[in-house]
Protein backbone atom coordinates (compact mmCIF):
# COMPACT_ATOMS: atom_id res chain seq x y z
CA MET A 1 -53.34 -175.48 -114.86
CA ASN A 2 -52.49 -177.10 -111.52
CA ASP A 3 -50.71 -180.42 -110.99
CA ASP A 4 -53.90 -182.35 -110.16
CA ILE A 5 -55.44 -181.41 -113.51
CA ARG A 6 -52.18 -182.24 -115.28
CA TRP A 7 -51.96 -185.63 -113.56
CA ASN A 8 -55.54 -186.41 -114.56
CA ALA A 9 -54.63 -185.63 -118.19
CA VAL A 10 -51.61 -187.97 -117.99
CA ALA A 11 -53.56 -190.78 -116.31
CA THR A 12 -56.38 -190.61 -118.88
CA ARG A 13 -54.01 -190.00 -121.83
CA ASP A 14 -55.87 -186.83 -122.77
CA ARG A 15 -54.55 -185.92 -126.23
CA ALA A 16 -56.18 -182.47 -126.01
CA ALA A 17 -53.74 -181.55 -123.22
CA ALA A 18 -50.69 -182.81 -125.12
CA SER A 19 -49.66 -179.36 -126.34
CA ARG A 20 -50.12 -177.59 -122.99
CA PHE A 21 -47.35 -179.23 -120.93
CA VAL A 22 -44.93 -182.13 -120.68
CA TYR A 23 -44.27 -184.47 -117.80
CA ALA A 24 -41.00 -186.06 -116.77
CA VAL A 25 -40.52 -189.37 -115.02
CA GLU A 26 -37.66 -189.31 -112.54
CA SER A 27 -37.05 -193.07 -112.55
CA THR A 28 -36.54 -193.23 -116.34
CA GLY A 29 -35.16 -189.76 -117.05
CA ILE A 30 -37.65 -189.27 -119.91
CA PHE A 31 -40.23 -186.56 -120.59
CA CYS A 32 -43.46 -187.10 -122.55
CA ARG A 33 -46.65 -185.44 -123.73
CA ALA A 34 -49.91 -186.02 -121.84
CA GLY A 35 -51.32 -188.33 -124.54
CA CYS A 36 -48.26 -190.59 -124.76
CA PRO A 37 -49.13 -194.30 -125.15
CA SER A 38 -46.29 -195.35 -122.83
CA ARG A 39 -46.98 -197.04 -119.51
CA THR A 40 -48.49 -194.69 -116.93
CA PRO A 41 -45.86 -193.79 -114.31
CA ARG A 42 -46.36 -193.63 -110.58
CA ARG A 43 -47.56 -190.20 -109.49
CA ASP A 44 -44.75 -189.71 -106.99
CA ARG A 45 -42.15 -189.96 -109.78
CA VAL A 46 -43.68 -187.35 -112.09
CA THR A 47 -42.65 -183.70 -112.47
CA PHE A 48 -44.53 -181.29 -114.74
CA PHE A 49 -43.01 -178.66 -117.02
CA ASP A 50 -44.66 -176.00 -119.18
CA ARG A 51 -42.23 -176.48 -122.09
CA PRO A 52 -40.02 -179.30 -123.41
CA ALA A 53 -36.97 -177.02 -123.14
CA GLU A 54 -37.50 -176.77 -119.38
CA ALA A 55 -37.56 -180.55 -119.01
CA ARG A 56 -34.46 -180.90 -121.17
CA SER A 57 -32.57 -178.31 -119.12
CA ALA A 58 -33.54 -180.23 -115.96
CA GLY A 59 -31.70 -183.26 -117.35
CA PHE A 60 -34.49 -185.28 -118.97
CA ARG A 61 -34.47 -186.63 -122.53
CA ALA A 62 -37.39 -186.71 -124.97
CA CYS A 63 -39.57 -189.81 -125.31
CA ARG A 64 -39.04 -191.72 -128.54
CA ARG A 65 -42.70 -192.76 -128.75
CA CYS A 66 -44.54 -189.43 -128.47
CA ARG A 67 -41.68 -187.13 -129.54
CA PRO A 68 -42.59 -184.14 -127.34
CA ASP A 69 -40.08 -181.83 -129.02
């Protein structure tokens, strides 16, 4: 899955993609699932990770709304 497909899943809040990856927002320091109901971030502030553990080790914390862990 490339980053363009992942971004499309985030932008459309595709719940089917929620278990495939997580995305982290650099400006907030939070990582979420693709179907998270939070405000859609700017594309240039988003980093994608295959697993929540990877996002956590990069210094991000889990979202309290979608609970990606």
